């Protein structure tokens, strides 16, 4: 009898000890999860982002998953947040493409002078004499773009009649001093399941090549990385082009001696939905210049991602708008020297990431890591949390002047931030913010005044805007100096 009682007490002791250990462990887990939650919340992340992060951290630990799953589910129910997998599974609706554009006149003296200071040397050398002109179209002797690409030589001009093309549109271009242009309006190329080299509608790896008035539509390949253009080598200037409903809009290699210029172009509804494909994805090029262009409605990926050593992003519209599901609006993951001047950058309500601009998240790769944010209108429509700018790594300098900040969030910069005359305003300050019309209305503009940046902030860079973006993908030269902070100087009617 004594031995039975002894065993009973021993079992009770072990049970109580196990229960205490379990409760203590559960308490520590909850404290740890709560600590992570509060730390992330203070960093401007949304509840959905935090829960998705915690889901990934406990994944593969059955006991933790058992205890955390109902807690996370309850929080999601209260916050109205769906799980990451459920978000990704939601259909991404792609509307019919916009009408084809007419040809945009070449820039005059003032507009050309606006972009010249940002161009790499190769674009300042005048092109050589035209070798010959190849005409492509239904009524021309050359009816196939693929055939024209095989016939083209250095110094040629390839002119493609305006219209829709569904056959023989894929091509690889490796020439130098080549101009490819739609004439009479834009030539619209539909991939129809075809690709050049299993990569893109067009693969470009020549010397100096200009592409104008071409629309790239519906590129898809087996690895879900199909691009309108895959730019691999040389120097490329893209002007008045549309990239629509591709797995990647325009995708480049990491060729460090190459340069890319994008002007008056539109990137819309691109992305495979995997988070690794984007409206624009630029690798480790020497330089990138983007002027008067329009990026919107990316599918889970970013509107604009660049690893270039030098980025000049001037007078553009990066707006994800209603129905957009972009992650970052602007992502410069490896730092570098970047001038972001005179842009409208807006994050929509359905984003899966609360950060508008991310800089250096994957580490600074170059010797010079400076971000200049000047005269931009930054809008975060995602409720409850956000970061207009996130710089999580040390080793960078951020100069921010004359920006308008609209909506939720703030700057999250680890170190090195210099801010001057950055103003926070409400949506009511603008004419039609629900339609991304951010022209200032009276009497708000009377309370906002532009301040000329000190030359010491950027000794070799002009932080004063000379133009403003105009919908959908144009710009308006300023006749006088700027009067207000933000991207737009023209007031509401």
Foldseek 3Di string as FASTA:
>chain_A
DVVVVVVVVVVVVVVVVVVVVVVVVVVVVVVVLVVQQVVVVVLFWDLQLSLQVVCVVCPPPVVVCVVCVVVSVVVCVVVVHDHPVVLLPDDQDFDPDDDFFFFDDDDDDVVVVVCVVADPPVVVDDFDAAPEEAEEPPPDPHPAPAVVQVVDEARHEYEYEADEDEPRQAYEHAHHNYEYEYHRTAYEYECNAHYDVQAESYEYAYAEYEYERYEQDAFQGDVLHYENYEYEHHEYEYEHYEQGQHQAHYHYDQPAAYEYEYALYEFEAYHPSPQPHESDAEHAYQEYEYALYEFEQYRAYESEEYQYQEYEAYQYEQEHAPSHAYAESEEHQQAHHYEHAQYEFEDDQNYPHQEHYEHNNVHHDDPAGEYEAAQAEQYYPHPDGHAPYAYPDPDYAYEYELYEYEDHHYHHHPDHYDYYQHYYDYPVQADCVNVPGRAGDPPVQVVFFHDQDDCVVPVVDHRWDQWHHDPPGDIGGDPDGATGGHNDRDHDD
